N, C-alpha and C. Protein backbone atom coordinates (compact mmCIF):
# COMPACT_ATOMS: atom_id res chain seq x y z
N MET A 1 -8.96 -8.22 13.18
CA MET A 1 -8.56 -6.83 13.12
C MET A 1 -8.44 -6.41 11.65
N ARG A 2 -9.31 -5.51 11.24
CA ARG A 2 -9.30 -5.00 9.87
C ARG A 2 -8.52 -3.69 9.84
N ILE A 3 -7.51 -3.61 8.97
CA ILE A 3 -6.66 -2.43 8.93
C ILE A 3 -6.55 -1.90 7.50
N LEU A 4 -6.77 -0.60 7.35
CA LEU A 4 -6.46 0.09 6.10
C LEU A 4 -5.21 0.91 6.37
N ILE A 5 -4.20 0.81 5.49
CA ILE A 5 -3.00 1.62 5.67
C ILE A 5 -3.00 2.70 4.61
N PHE A 6 -2.73 3.91 5.04
CA PHE A 6 -3.06 5.08 4.24
C PHE A 6 -1.91 6.08 4.26
N GLY A 7 -1.80 6.89 3.21
CA GLY A 7 -0.79 7.94 3.19
C GLY A 7 -0.34 8.26 1.78
N ALA A 8 0.45 9.30 1.67
CA ALA A 8 0.92 9.77 0.37
C ALA A 8 1.90 8.79 -0.26
N PRO A 9 2.13 8.89 -1.58
CA PRO A 9 3.13 8.05 -2.24
C PRO A 9 4.49 8.22 -1.56
N GLY A 10 5.18 7.10 -1.35
CA GLY A 10 6.53 7.15 -0.80
C GLY A 10 6.63 7.28 0.70
N VAL A 11 5.50 7.23 1.40
CA VAL A 11 5.54 7.41 2.85
C VAL A 11 5.87 6.11 3.59
N GLY A 12 5.88 4.99 2.87
CA GLY A 12 6.28 3.72 3.49
C GLY A 12 5.14 2.77 3.83
N LYS A 13 4.00 2.94 3.14
CA LYS A 13 2.83 2.09 3.43
C LYS A 13 3.12 0.61 3.22
N GLY A 14 3.66 0.28 2.05
CA GLY A 14 3.92 -1.12 1.73
C GLY A 14 4.91 -1.76 2.69
N THR A 15 5.97 -1.02 3.02
CA THR A 15 6.99 -1.53 3.95
C THR A 15 6.37 -1.85 5.30
N GLN A 16 5.61 -0.90 5.85
CA GLN A 16 5.03 -1.12 7.17
C GLN A 16 3.94 -2.19 7.15
N ALA A 17 3.16 -2.24 6.07
CA ALA A 17 2.11 -3.26 5.97
C ALA A 17 2.72 -4.66 6.04
N LYS A 18 3.84 -4.87 5.33
CA LYS A 18 4.50 -6.18 5.33
C LYS A 18 5.03 -6.53 6.72
N ILE A 19 5.64 -5.55 7.38
CA ILE A 19 6.21 -5.80 8.71
C ILE A 19 5.10 -6.10 9.72
N ILE A 20 4.07 -5.25 9.75
CA ILE A 20 2.97 -5.43 10.71
C ILE A 20 2.25 -6.75 10.46
N SER A 21 2.09 -7.11 9.19
CA SER A 21 1.47 -8.38 8.83
C SER A 21 2.18 -9.55 9.53
N GLY A 22 3.51 -9.53 9.47
CA GLY A 22 4.28 -10.60 10.10
C GLY A 22 4.22 -10.55 11.62
N LYS A 23 4.15 -9.33 12.17
CA LYS A 23 4.16 -9.17 13.63
C LYS A 23 2.86 -9.67 14.27
N ILE A 24 1.71 -9.41 13.60
CA ILE A 24 0.42 -9.77 14.24
C ILE A 24 -0.29 -10.91 13.49
N ASN A 25 0.41 -11.48 12.52
CA ASN A 25 -0.06 -12.70 11.85
C ASN A 25 -1.41 -12.55 11.15
N ILE A 26 -1.55 -11.47 10.39
CA ILE A 26 -2.69 -11.31 9.49
C ILE A 26 -2.14 -10.96 8.12
N PRO A 27 -2.82 -11.32 7.03
CA PRO A 27 -2.24 -11.11 5.70
C PRO A 27 -2.19 -9.65 5.27
N HIS A 28 -1.11 -9.31 4.58
CA HIS A 28 -0.99 -8.01 3.93
C HIS A 28 -1.52 -8.19 2.51
N ILE A 29 -2.55 -7.44 2.18
CA ILE A 29 -3.21 -7.61 0.88
C ILE A 29 -3.10 -6.31 0.10
N SER A 30 -2.38 -6.34 -1.01
CA SER A 30 -2.28 -5.18 -1.88
C SER A 30 -3.15 -5.40 -3.11
N THR A 31 -3.63 -4.31 -3.69
CA THR A 31 -4.51 -4.45 -4.86
C THR A 31 -3.78 -5.14 -6.00
N GLY A 32 -2.50 -4.82 -6.18
CA GLY A 32 -1.74 -5.45 -7.27
C GLY A 32 -1.63 -6.94 -7.09
N ASP A 33 -1.32 -7.38 -5.87
CA ASP A 33 -1.21 -8.82 -5.59
C ASP A 33 -2.54 -9.52 -5.79
N MET A 34 -3.63 -8.86 -5.34
CA MET A 34 -4.96 -9.46 -5.49
C MET A 34 -5.31 -9.68 -6.95
N LEU A 35 -5.03 -8.67 -7.77
CA LEU A 35 -5.32 -8.79 -9.20
C LEU A 35 -4.53 -9.94 -9.82
N ARG A 36 -3.23 -10.00 -9.52
CA ARG A 36 -2.39 -11.06 -10.09
C ARG A 36 -2.85 -12.45 -9.65
N ASP A 37 -3.19 -12.58 -8.36
CA ASP A 37 -3.63 -13.88 -7.85
C ASP A 37 -4.97 -14.30 -8.46
N ALA A 38 -5.90 -13.32 -8.59
CA ALA A 38 -7.22 -13.65 -9.15
C ALA A 38 -7.10 -14.08 -10.60
N ILE A 39 -6.21 -13.42 -11.33
CA ILE A 39 -6.00 -13.78 -12.74
C ILE A 39 -5.32 -15.14 -12.84
N GLN A 40 -4.30 -15.36 -12.01
CA GLN A 40 -3.58 -16.63 -12.04
C GLN A 40 -4.49 -17.80 -11.65
N ASN A 41 -5.38 -17.56 -10.67
CA ASN A 41 -6.29 -18.61 -10.21
C ASN A 41 -7.55 -18.73 -11.07
N LYS A 42 -7.66 -17.84 -12.05
CA LYS A 42 -8.78 -17.84 -13.00
C LYS A 42 -10.14 -17.79 -12.30
N THR A 43 -10.23 -16.90 -11.29
CA THR A 43 -11.51 -16.72 -10.63
C THR A 43 -12.44 -15.95 -11.57
N GLU A 44 -13.71 -15.90 -11.21
CA GLU A 44 -14.69 -15.21 -12.05
C GLU A 44 -14.28 -13.75 -12.29
N TYR A 45 -13.95 -13.05 -11.21
CA TYR A 45 -13.58 -11.65 -11.35
C TYR A 45 -12.17 -11.48 -11.92
N GLY A 46 -11.31 -12.46 -11.67
CA GLY A 46 -9.97 -12.43 -12.24
C GLY A 46 -10.00 -12.48 -13.76
N LEU A 47 -10.86 -13.33 -14.31
CA LEU A 47 -10.99 -13.43 -15.76
C LEU A 47 -11.57 -12.14 -16.35
N LYS A 48 -12.52 -11.53 -15.62
CA LYS A 48 -13.08 -10.26 -16.09
C LYS A 48 -12.02 -9.16 -16.07
N ALA A 49 -11.21 -9.14 -15.02
CA ALA A 49 -10.16 -8.14 -14.91
C ALA A 49 -9.14 -8.29 -16.03
N LYS A 50 -8.82 -9.53 -16.37
CA LYS A 50 -7.82 -9.80 -17.41
C LYS A 50 -8.26 -9.23 -18.76
N GLU A 51 -9.55 -9.26 -19.03
CA GLU A 51 -10.05 -8.71 -20.30
C GLU A 51 -9.71 -7.24 -20.42
N PHE A 52 -9.87 -6.51 -19.34
CA PHE A 52 -9.55 -5.06 -19.36
C PHE A 52 -8.04 -4.84 -19.42
N MET A 53 -7.30 -5.60 -18.62
CA MET A 53 -5.85 -5.41 -18.57
C MET A 53 -5.18 -5.77 -19.89
N ASP A 54 -5.70 -6.79 -20.57
CA ASP A 54 -5.14 -7.18 -21.86
C ASP A 54 -5.32 -6.09 -22.91
N LYS A 55 -6.33 -5.23 -22.69
CA LYS A 55 -6.58 -4.11 -23.62
C LYS A 55 -5.90 -2.83 -23.14
N GLY A 56 -5.15 -2.94 -22.04
CA GLY A 56 -4.46 -1.78 -21.50
C GLY A 56 -5.38 -0.80 -20.81
N GLU A 57 -6.55 -1.27 -20.37
CA GLU A 57 -7.53 -0.40 -19.72
C GLU A 57 -7.54 -0.62 -18.21
N LEU A 58 -7.99 0.41 -17.46
CA LEU A 58 -8.11 0.28 -16.01
C LEU A 58 -9.23 -0.70 -15.67
N VAL A 59 -9.01 -1.49 -14.63
CA VAL A 59 -10.03 -2.43 -14.19
C VAL A 59 -11.11 -1.65 -13.44
N PRO A 60 -12.38 -1.77 -13.82
CA PRO A 60 -13.47 -1.02 -13.15
C PRO A 60 -13.58 -1.36 -11.67
N ASP A 61 -14.11 -0.40 -10.91
CA ASP A 61 -14.23 -0.57 -9.46
C ASP A 61 -15.10 -1.76 -9.07
N ASP A 62 -16.15 -2.05 -9.85
CA ASP A 62 -17.02 -3.16 -9.46
C ASP A 62 -16.29 -4.50 -9.53
N ILE A 63 -15.38 -4.62 -10.50
CA ILE A 63 -14.59 -5.86 -10.62
C ILE A 63 -13.55 -5.91 -9.50
N ILE A 64 -12.89 -4.77 -9.23
CA ILE A 64 -11.94 -4.70 -8.11
C ILE A 64 -12.65 -5.09 -6.81
N GLY A 65 -13.88 -4.58 -6.64
CA GLY A 65 -14.66 -4.90 -5.45
C GLY A 65 -14.94 -6.39 -5.34
N GLY A 66 -15.27 -7.01 -6.45
CA GLY A 66 -15.53 -8.45 -6.45
C GLY A 66 -14.29 -9.24 -6.07
N ILE A 67 -13.13 -8.81 -6.59
CA ILE A 67 -11.87 -9.49 -6.27
C ILE A 67 -11.53 -9.33 -4.79
N ILE A 68 -11.76 -8.13 -4.25
CA ILE A 68 -11.50 -7.89 -2.83
C ILE A 68 -12.39 -8.78 -1.97
N LYS A 69 -13.67 -8.84 -2.31
CA LYS A 69 -14.59 -9.66 -1.52
C LYS A 69 -14.19 -11.13 -1.57
N GLU A 70 -13.80 -11.61 -2.75
CA GLU A 70 -13.31 -12.99 -2.87
C GLU A 70 -12.12 -13.21 -1.94
N ARG A 71 -11.15 -12.27 -2.00
CA ARG A 71 -9.90 -12.44 -1.25
C ARG A 71 -10.14 -12.40 0.26
N LEU A 72 -11.04 -11.53 0.71
CA LEU A 72 -11.26 -11.38 2.14
C LEU A 72 -12.01 -12.56 2.76
N GLN A 73 -12.52 -13.45 1.91
CA GLN A 73 -13.19 -14.64 2.42
C GLN A 73 -12.26 -15.85 2.48
N TYR A 74 -10.98 -15.67 2.12
CA TYR A 74 -10.00 -16.76 2.25
C TYR A 74 -9.78 -17.05 3.74
N PRO A 75 -9.44 -18.30 4.09
CA PRO A 75 -9.24 -18.67 5.50
C PRO A 75 -8.20 -17.83 6.23
N ASP A 76 -7.15 -17.35 5.51
CA ASP A 76 -6.10 -16.60 6.20
C ASP A 76 -6.57 -15.23 6.68
N CYS A 77 -7.75 -14.79 6.22
CA CYS A 77 -8.30 -13.50 6.66
C CYS A 77 -9.26 -13.65 7.85
N LYS A 78 -9.35 -14.85 8.39
CA LYS A 78 -10.29 -15.11 9.47
C LYS A 78 -10.10 -14.17 10.65
N ASN A 79 -8.82 -13.86 10.98
CA ASN A 79 -8.53 -12.99 12.13
C ASN A 79 -8.24 -11.55 11.72
N GLY A 80 -8.43 -11.25 10.44
CA GLY A 80 -8.23 -9.87 9.99
C GLY A 80 -7.29 -9.78 8.80
N PHE A 81 -6.96 -8.54 8.43
CA PHE A 81 -6.13 -8.29 7.24
C PHE A 81 -5.65 -6.85 7.26
N ILE A 82 -4.61 -6.59 6.46
CA ILE A 82 -4.13 -5.23 6.22
C ILE A 82 -4.32 -4.95 4.74
N LEU A 83 -5.15 -3.98 4.41
CA LEU A 83 -5.45 -3.66 3.02
C LEU A 83 -4.62 -2.45 2.60
N ASP A 84 -3.87 -2.61 1.52
CA ASP A 84 -2.90 -1.60 1.08
C ASP A 84 -3.17 -1.25 -0.39
N GLY A 85 -3.33 0.04 -0.69
CA GLY A 85 -3.49 0.47 -2.07
C GLY A 85 -4.91 0.83 -2.45
N ILE A 86 -5.82 0.63 -1.56
CA ILE A 86 -7.23 0.95 -1.79
C ILE A 86 -7.87 1.21 -0.43
N PRO A 87 -8.78 2.17 -0.29
CA PRO A 87 -9.42 2.96 -1.33
C PRO A 87 -8.63 4.22 -1.69
N ARG A 88 -8.77 4.62 -2.95
CA ARG A 88 -8.12 5.85 -3.41
C ARG A 88 -9.14 6.92 -3.77
N THR A 89 -10.40 6.55 -3.80
CA THR A 89 -11.48 7.50 -4.10
C THR A 89 -12.65 7.26 -3.16
N ILE A 90 -13.54 8.25 -3.07
CA ILE A 90 -14.74 8.10 -2.24
C ILE A 90 -15.58 6.92 -2.74
N LYS A 91 -15.67 6.78 -4.04
CA LYS A 91 -16.46 5.68 -4.62
C LYS A 91 -15.91 4.32 -4.15
N GLN A 92 -14.59 4.18 -4.14
CA GLN A 92 -13.99 2.93 -3.68
C GLN A 92 -14.21 2.74 -2.18
N ALA A 93 -14.17 3.83 -1.42
CA ALA A 93 -14.41 3.75 0.02
C ALA A 93 -15.83 3.28 0.30
N GLU A 94 -16.79 3.79 -0.44
CA GLU A 94 -18.19 3.38 -0.27
C GLU A 94 -18.36 1.91 -0.65
N MET A 95 -17.66 1.49 -1.71
CA MET A 95 -17.71 0.09 -2.13
C MET A 95 -17.14 -0.82 -1.04
N LEU A 96 -16.02 -0.41 -0.45
CA LEU A 96 -15.40 -1.20 0.61
C LEU A 96 -16.29 -1.27 1.84
N GLU A 97 -16.94 -0.17 2.17
CA GLU A 97 -17.82 -0.16 3.35
C GLU A 97 -18.92 -1.19 3.19
N LYS A 98 -19.47 -1.29 1.99
CA LYS A 98 -20.52 -2.27 1.73
C LYS A 98 -19.98 -3.70 1.91
N ILE A 99 -18.78 -3.94 1.40
CA ILE A 99 -18.16 -5.27 1.53
C ILE A 99 -17.91 -5.60 3.00
N PHE A 100 -17.35 -4.64 3.75
CA PHE A 100 -17.06 -4.87 5.16
C PHE A 100 -18.33 -5.15 5.95
N ASN A 101 -19.40 -4.42 5.63
CA ASN A 101 -20.68 -4.62 6.34
C ASN A 101 -21.24 -6.02 6.07
N GLU A 102 -21.05 -6.49 4.84
CA GLU A 102 -21.53 -7.83 4.49
C GLU A 102 -20.72 -8.91 5.21
N LEU A 103 -19.42 -8.69 5.34
CA LEU A 103 -18.56 -9.69 5.96
C LEU A 103 -18.60 -9.63 7.49
N LYS A 104 -19.00 -8.49 8.03
CA LYS A 104 -19.14 -8.32 9.48
C LYS A 104 -17.88 -8.76 10.23
N ASP A 105 -16.78 -8.10 9.92
CA ASP A 105 -15.50 -8.51 10.48
C ASP A 105 -15.03 -7.73 11.70
N GLY A 106 -15.86 -6.87 12.27
CA GLY A 106 -15.46 -6.17 13.49
C GLY A 106 -14.80 -4.82 13.27
N GLN A 107 -14.04 -4.39 14.28
CA GLN A 107 -13.44 -3.05 14.32
C GLN A 107 -12.55 -2.78 13.11
N LEU A 108 -12.72 -1.59 12.55
CA LEU A 108 -11.89 -1.15 11.42
C LEU A 108 -10.92 -0.09 11.92
N TYR A 109 -9.63 -0.27 11.58
CA TYR A 109 -8.60 0.70 11.92
C TYR A 109 -8.07 1.34 10.64
N LEU A 110 -7.83 2.64 10.68
CA LEU A 110 -7.18 3.31 9.56
C LEU A 110 -5.88 3.91 10.07
N ILE A 111 -4.78 3.38 9.56
CA ILE A 111 -3.46 3.89 9.94
C ILE A 111 -3.01 4.87 8.85
N LYS A 112 -2.82 6.12 9.25
CA LYS A 112 -2.36 7.13 8.30
C LYS A 112 -0.92 7.50 8.62
N LEU A 113 -0.02 7.20 7.68
CA LEU A 113 1.38 7.58 7.83
C LEU A 113 1.55 8.98 7.26
N GLU A 114 2.07 9.88 8.08
CA GLU A 114 2.18 11.27 7.67
C GLU A 114 3.64 11.66 7.43
N ALA A 115 3.84 12.57 6.48
CA ALA A 115 5.18 13.07 6.18
C ALA A 115 5.08 14.39 5.43
N ARG A 116 6.06 15.26 5.65
CA ARG A 116 6.11 16.51 4.89
C ARG A 116 6.44 16.21 3.44
N GLU A 117 5.89 17.02 2.54
CA GLU A 117 6.08 16.76 1.11
C GLU A 117 7.55 16.84 0.69
N ASP A 118 8.31 17.77 1.27
CA ASP A 118 9.71 17.89 0.86
C ASP A 118 10.49 16.62 1.21
N ILE A 119 10.11 15.98 2.33
CA ILE A 119 10.78 14.73 2.72
C ILE A 119 10.41 13.61 1.75
N ILE A 120 9.12 13.55 1.36
CA ILE A 120 8.68 12.53 0.41
C ILE A 120 9.38 12.69 -0.93
N VAL A 121 9.45 13.93 -1.42
CA VAL A 121 10.10 14.19 -2.70
C VAL A 121 11.57 13.76 -2.64
N ARG A 122 12.26 14.12 -1.55
CA ARG A 122 13.67 13.75 -1.41
C ARG A 122 13.83 12.23 -1.32
N ARG A 123 12.94 11.58 -0.58
CA ARG A 123 13.03 10.13 -0.41
C ARG A 123 12.81 9.41 -1.75
N LEU A 124 11.76 9.79 -2.47
CA LEU A 124 11.43 9.10 -3.73
C LEU A 124 12.43 9.41 -4.84
N SER A 125 12.89 10.65 -4.90
CA SER A 125 13.82 11.01 -5.97
C SER A 125 15.18 10.36 -5.79
N ASN A 126 15.44 9.83 -4.58
CA ASN A 126 16.69 9.11 -4.33
C ASN A 126 16.52 7.59 -4.41
N ARG A 127 15.33 7.15 -4.82
CA ARG A 127 15.08 5.72 -4.96
C ARG A 127 15.74 5.20 -6.24
N ARG A 128 16.29 3.99 -6.16
CA ARG A 128 16.91 3.37 -7.32
C ARG A 128 16.50 1.90 -7.41
N LEU A 129 16.42 1.40 -8.63
CA LEU A 129 16.08 -0.01 -8.89
C LEU A 129 17.31 -0.72 -9.42
N CYS A 130 17.63 -1.88 -8.83
CA CYS A 130 18.75 -2.68 -9.34
C CYS A 130 18.29 -3.42 -10.59
N SER A 131 18.94 -3.14 -11.71
CA SER A 131 18.56 -3.78 -12.97
C SER A 131 18.96 -5.25 -13.01
N ASN A 132 19.77 -5.68 -12.03
CA ASN A 132 20.22 -7.07 -12.01
C ASN A 132 19.31 -7.97 -11.18
N CYS A 133 18.94 -7.52 -9.96
CA CYS A 133 18.14 -8.39 -9.07
C CYS A 133 16.75 -7.82 -8.76
N GLY A 134 16.48 -6.57 -9.16
CA GLY A 134 15.15 -6.00 -8.95
C GLY A 134 14.93 -5.36 -7.60
N THR A 135 15.96 -5.32 -6.75
CA THR A 135 15.83 -4.71 -5.43
C THR A 135 15.68 -3.19 -5.57
N ILE A 136 14.80 -2.62 -4.73
CA ILE A 136 14.66 -1.16 -4.69
C ILE A 136 15.41 -0.65 -3.46
N VAL A 137 16.32 0.31 -3.68
CA VAL A 137 17.12 0.86 -2.59
C VAL A 137 17.01 2.38 -2.62
N ASN A 138 17.55 3.01 -1.58
CA ASN A 138 17.56 4.47 -1.53
C ASN A 138 19.00 4.94 -1.37
N LEU A 139 19.38 5.90 -2.22
CA LEU A 139 20.76 6.38 -2.20
C LEU A 139 21.14 6.98 -0.84
N MET A 140 20.15 7.50 -0.11
CA MET A 140 20.43 8.09 1.19
C MET A 140 20.88 7.04 2.21
N ASP A 141 20.57 5.76 1.93
CA ASP A 141 20.92 4.68 2.86
C ASP A 141 22.19 3.95 2.44
N LEU A 142 22.77 4.32 1.31
CA LEU A 142 23.89 3.57 0.77
C LEU A 142 25.22 4.26 1.00
N GLY A 143 26.24 3.46 1.28
CA GLY A 143 27.58 4.00 1.35
C GLY A 143 28.21 4.06 -0.03
N ASN A 144 27.86 3.07 -0.86
CA ASN A 144 28.40 3.00 -2.22
C ASN A 144 27.24 3.04 -3.21
N ALA A 145 27.07 4.17 -3.89
CA ALA A 145 25.94 4.36 -4.80
C ALA A 145 26.14 3.65 -6.14
N ASP A 146 27.32 3.04 -6.34
CA ASP A 146 27.60 2.36 -7.61
C ASP A 146 27.38 0.86 -7.53
N GLU A 147 26.95 0.36 -6.36
CA GLU A 147 26.82 -1.09 -6.18
C GLU A 147 25.52 -1.44 -5.46
N CYS A 148 24.82 -2.47 -5.96
CA CYS A 148 23.60 -2.94 -5.29
C CYS A 148 23.99 -3.61 -3.98
N PRO A 149 23.38 -3.23 -2.87
CA PRO A 149 23.75 -3.82 -1.57
C PRO A 149 23.29 -5.27 -1.41
N VAL A 150 22.42 -5.74 -2.31
CA VAL A 150 21.91 -7.10 -2.20
C VAL A 150 22.70 -8.07 -3.08
N CYS A 151 22.76 -7.79 -4.39
CA CYS A 151 23.46 -8.71 -5.31
C CYS A 151 24.88 -8.26 -5.62
N HIS A 152 25.23 -7.03 -5.19
CA HIS A 152 26.57 -6.46 -5.36
C HIS A 152 26.96 -6.21 -6.82
N ALA A 153 25.96 -6.17 -7.70
CA ALA A 153 26.26 -5.83 -9.09
C ALA A 153 26.66 -4.36 -9.17
N GLU A 154 27.70 -4.08 -9.93
CA GLU A 154 28.19 -2.71 -10.05
C GLU A 154 27.45 -1.96 -11.15
N LYS A 155 27.26 -0.66 -10.91
CA LYS A 155 26.60 0.23 -11.88
C LYS A 155 25.26 -0.33 -12.37
N SER A 156 24.52 -0.96 -11.44
CA SER A 156 23.24 -1.58 -11.80
C SER A 156 22.03 -0.78 -11.30
N LEU A 157 22.29 0.30 -10.54
CA LEU A 157 21.20 1.06 -9.94
C LEU A 157 20.68 2.12 -10.90
N THR A 158 19.42 2.00 -11.27
CA THR A 158 18.83 2.91 -12.24
C THR A 158 17.63 3.63 -11.62
N LYS A 159 17.32 4.80 -12.17
CA LYS A 159 16.21 5.61 -11.67
C LYS A 159 14.99 5.39 -12.55
N ARG A 160 13.85 5.07 -11.92
CA ARG A 160 12.62 4.87 -12.66
C ARG A 160 12.00 6.21 -13.02
N LYS A 161 11.27 6.24 -14.12
CA LYS A 161 10.64 7.48 -14.58
C LYS A 161 9.71 8.06 -13.53
N ASP A 162 8.97 7.18 -12.82
CA ASP A 162 8.01 7.69 -11.83
C ASP A 162 8.68 8.20 -10.56
N ASP A 163 10.02 8.13 -10.50
CA ASP A 163 10.75 8.70 -9.38
C ASP A 163 11.42 10.03 -9.74
N ASP A 164 11.12 10.55 -10.95
CA ASP A 164 11.58 11.89 -11.30
C ASP A 164 10.82 12.91 -10.46
N GLU A 165 11.48 13.99 -10.10
CA GLU A 165 10.88 14.95 -9.15
C GLU A 165 9.56 15.53 -9.65
N ASP A 166 9.47 15.86 -10.95
CA ASP A 166 8.23 16.45 -11.47
C ASP A 166 7.07 15.45 -11.42
N VAL A 167 7.38 14.17 -11.64
CA VAL A 167 6.36 13.13 -11.59
C VAL A 167 5.89 12.94 -10.15
N ILE A 168 6.83 12.96 -9.21
CA ILE A 168 6.49 12.81 -7.79
C ILE A 168 5.57 13.94 -7.34
N ILE A 169 5.91 15.16 -7.71
CA ILE A 169 5.10 16.32 -7.32
C ILE A 169 3.69 16.20 -7.88
N ASN A 170 3.57 15.71 -9.11
CA ASN A 170 2.24 15.53 -9.71
C ASN A 170 1.45 14.44 -8.98
N ARG A 171 2.13 13.35 -8.60
CA ARG A 171 1.47 12.28 -7.85
C ARG A 171 0.95 12.79 -6.51
N LEU A 172 1.71 13.67 -5.87
CA LEU A 172 1.28 14.24 -4.60
C LEU A 172 0.07 15.15 -4.78
N LYS A 173 0.03 15.87 -5.90
CA LYS A 173 -1.13 16.72 -6.19
C LYS A 173 -2.39 15.86 -6.36
N VAL A 174 -2.25 14.75 -7.08
CA VAL A 174 -3.38 13.83 -7.27
C VAL A 174 -3.84 13.28 -5.92
N TYR A 175 -2.87 12.94 -5.08
CA TYR A 175 -3.19 12.41 -3.75
C TYR A 175 -4.01 13.42 -2.95
N HIS A 176 -3.55 14.66 -2.92
CA HIS A 176 -4.24 15.67 -2.13
C HIS A 176 -5.62 15.99 -2.71
N LYS A 177 -5.74 15.90 -4.02
CA LYS A 177 -7.02 16.25 -4.67
C LYS A 177 -8.09 15.20 -4.46
N SER A 178 -7.72 13.94 -4.51
CA SER A 178 -8.74 12.88 -4.45
C SER A 178 -8.60 11.97 -3.24
N THR A 179 -7.44 11.36 -3.07
CA THR A 179 -7.30 10.33 -2.05
C THR A 179 -7.44 10.88 -0.64
N GLU A 180 -6.96 12.10 -0.39
CA GLU A 180 -7.03 12.63 0.97
C GLU A 180 -8.47 12.82 1.43
N GLN A 181 -9.38 13.00 0.47
CA GLN A 181 -10.80 13.12 0.82
C GLN A 181 -11.32 11.83 1.47
N VAL A 182 -10.71 10.73 1.08
CA VAL A 182 -11.11 9.42 1.61
C VAL A 182 -10.86 9.38 3.11
N PHE A 183 -9.78 10.03 3.55
CA PHE A 183 -9.46 10.04 4.98
C PHE A 183 -10.62 10.65 5.77
N SER A 184 -11.19 11.73 5.26
CA SER A 184 -12.32 12.37 5.93
C SER A 184 -13.54 11.45 5.98
N PHE A 185 -13.71 10.64 4.92
CA PHE A 185 -14.83 9.70 4.85
C PHE A 185 -14.83 8.75 6.05
N TYR A 186 -13.62 8.38 6.52
CA TYR A 186 -13.51 7.36 7.56
C TYR A 186 -13.48 7.93 8.98
N LYS A 187 -13.58 9.23 9.14
CA LYS A 187 -13.42 9.82 10.47
C LYS A 187 -14.42 9.28 11.49
N ASP A 188 -15.64 8.95 11.05
CA ASP A 188 -16.62 8.38 12.00
C ASP A 188 -16.92 6.92 11.70
N LYS A 189 -16.07 6.29 10.87
CA LYS A 189 -16.31 4.90 10.50
C LYS A 189 -15.18 3.96 10.91
N ALA A 190 -14.08 4.53 11.38
CA ALA A 190 -12.93 3.71 11.74
C ALA A 190 -12.19 4.36 12.90
N ARG A 191 -11.38 3.57 13.58
CA ARG A 191 -10.49 4.14 14.59
C ARG A 191 -9.26 4.67 13.84
N ILE A 192 -9.05 5.98 13.92
CA ILE A 192 -7.97 6.62 13.17
C ILE A 192 -6.69 6.63 13.99
N ILE A 193 -5.60 6.19 13.37
CA ILE A 193 -4.28 6.18 14.01
C ILE A 193 -3.33 7.00 13.14
N LEU A 194 -2.82 8.10 13.68
CA LEU A 194 -1.88 8.96 12.94
C LEU A 194 -0.46 8.65 13.40
N ILE A 195 0.41 8.37 12.43
CA ILE A 195 1.78 7.98 12.74
C ILE A 195 2.75 8.82 11.90
N ASN A 196 3.85 9.25 12.51
CA ASN A 196 4.90 9.95 11.77
C ASN A 196 5.65 8.93 10.91
N GLY A 197 5.45 9.03 9.59
CA GLY A 197 6.06 8.07 8.68
C GLY A 197 7.50 8.36 8.33
N THR A 198 8.07 9.48 8.83
CA THR A 198 9.44 9.85 8.48
C THR A 198 10.46 9.37 9.52
N ASP A 199 9.97 8.77 10.59
CA ASP A 199 10.86 8.23 11.61
C ASP A 199 11.57 6.98 11.07
N LYS A 200 12.50 6.43 11.82
CA LYS A 200 13.15 5.19 11.42
C LYS A 200 12.10 4.09 11.28
N ILE A 201 12.33 3.18 10.34
CA ILE A 201 11.36 2.13 10.05
C ILE A 201 10.95 1.37 11.30
N GLU A 202 11.93 1.00 12.13
CA GLU A 202 11.62 0.22 13.33
C GLU A 202 10.79 1.04 14.33
N ASN A 203 11.02 2.35 14.38
CA ASN A 203 10.24 3.21 15.28
C ASN A 203 8.80 3.36 14.80
N VAL A 204 8.64 3.48 13.48
CA VAL A 204 7.29 3.57 12.91
C VAL A 204 6.52 2.29 13.23
N THR A 205 7.18 1.15 13.05
CA THR A 205 6.55 -0.14 13.36
C THR A 205 6.13 -0.21 14.82
N MET A 206 7.03 0.17 15.72
CA MET A 206 6.74 0.13 17.15
C MET A 206 5.56 1.03 17.50
N ASN A 207 5.51 2.22 16.91
CA ASN A 207 4.42 3.16 17.19
C ASN A 207 3.07 2.62 16.68
N ILE A 208 3.10 1.95 15.52
CA ILE A 208 1.87 1.35 15.00
C ILE A 208 1.39 0.24 15.92
N LEU A 209 2.29 -0.65 16.31
CA LEU A 209 1.93 -1.77 17.19
C LEU A 209 1.38 -1.28 18.53
N ASN A 210 2.01 -0.25 19.07
CA ASN A 210 1.54 0.32 20.35
C ASN A 210 0.14 0.88 20.19
N ALA A 211 -0.11 1.59 19.09
CA ALA A 211 -1.42 2.19 18.86
C ALA A 211 -2.50 1.11 18.66
N LEU A 212 -2.10 -0.03 18.12
CA LEU A 212 -3.03 -1.15 17.91
C LEU A 212 -3.20 -1.99 19.17
N GLY A 213 -2.42 -1.68 20.20
CA GLY A 213 -2.47 -2.49 21.43
C GLY A 213 -1.74 -3.80 21.28
N LYS A 214 -0.79 -3.84 20.35
CA LYS A 214 -0.01 -5.06 20.09
C LYS A 214 1.45 -4.76 20.37
N LYS A 215 1.90 -5.01 21.56
CA LYS A 215 3.28 -4.73 21.93
C LYS A 215 4.21 -5.64 21.15
N ASP A 216 5.30 -5.06 20.65
CA ASP A 216 6.28 -5.84 19.88
C ASP A 216 7.04 -6.79 20.81
């Protein structure tokens, strides 16, 4: 089962990808993790990617494509995978289609988590990072906003620059301008699953599993 998880920043893609991965026993693969693993393992494409990253430059799509193809041929992907963080452009979508056709892995699912922009802005602007243990929490879920719920360090919750409201709004504009076009690209190439991403986490998970035919 090949799954692409899709949606605007802050809609909960990473959270759901990790949960679904554990529920149906296929790996959750994010572009960031793939890059780090390829560099650490000193693969051919990992070494090429490191050259760009060491210079503070974006890794070109052809190298990202090579890393993805390497990763999808690992034994743990035999029964499928959940790909998170890519594609973000039509060019990347076309690159992925070529890789998928070469690997011949069967049905492709695209899960799109949907949410109103005002909810996303409120959710992200209330996100905080614990400077002590690195946990990311949301003030809307906390009873005590002065203490990390994981390590219990006091006054350790800080706001990241990319969670400022103006930055969030700009990220959403970028999403609508480029990434949302990718969704249209897949309309006749994948089974599309639309899910309300603003529901409770457990309800979102249950709805995804039901849509995939995988009862929890």
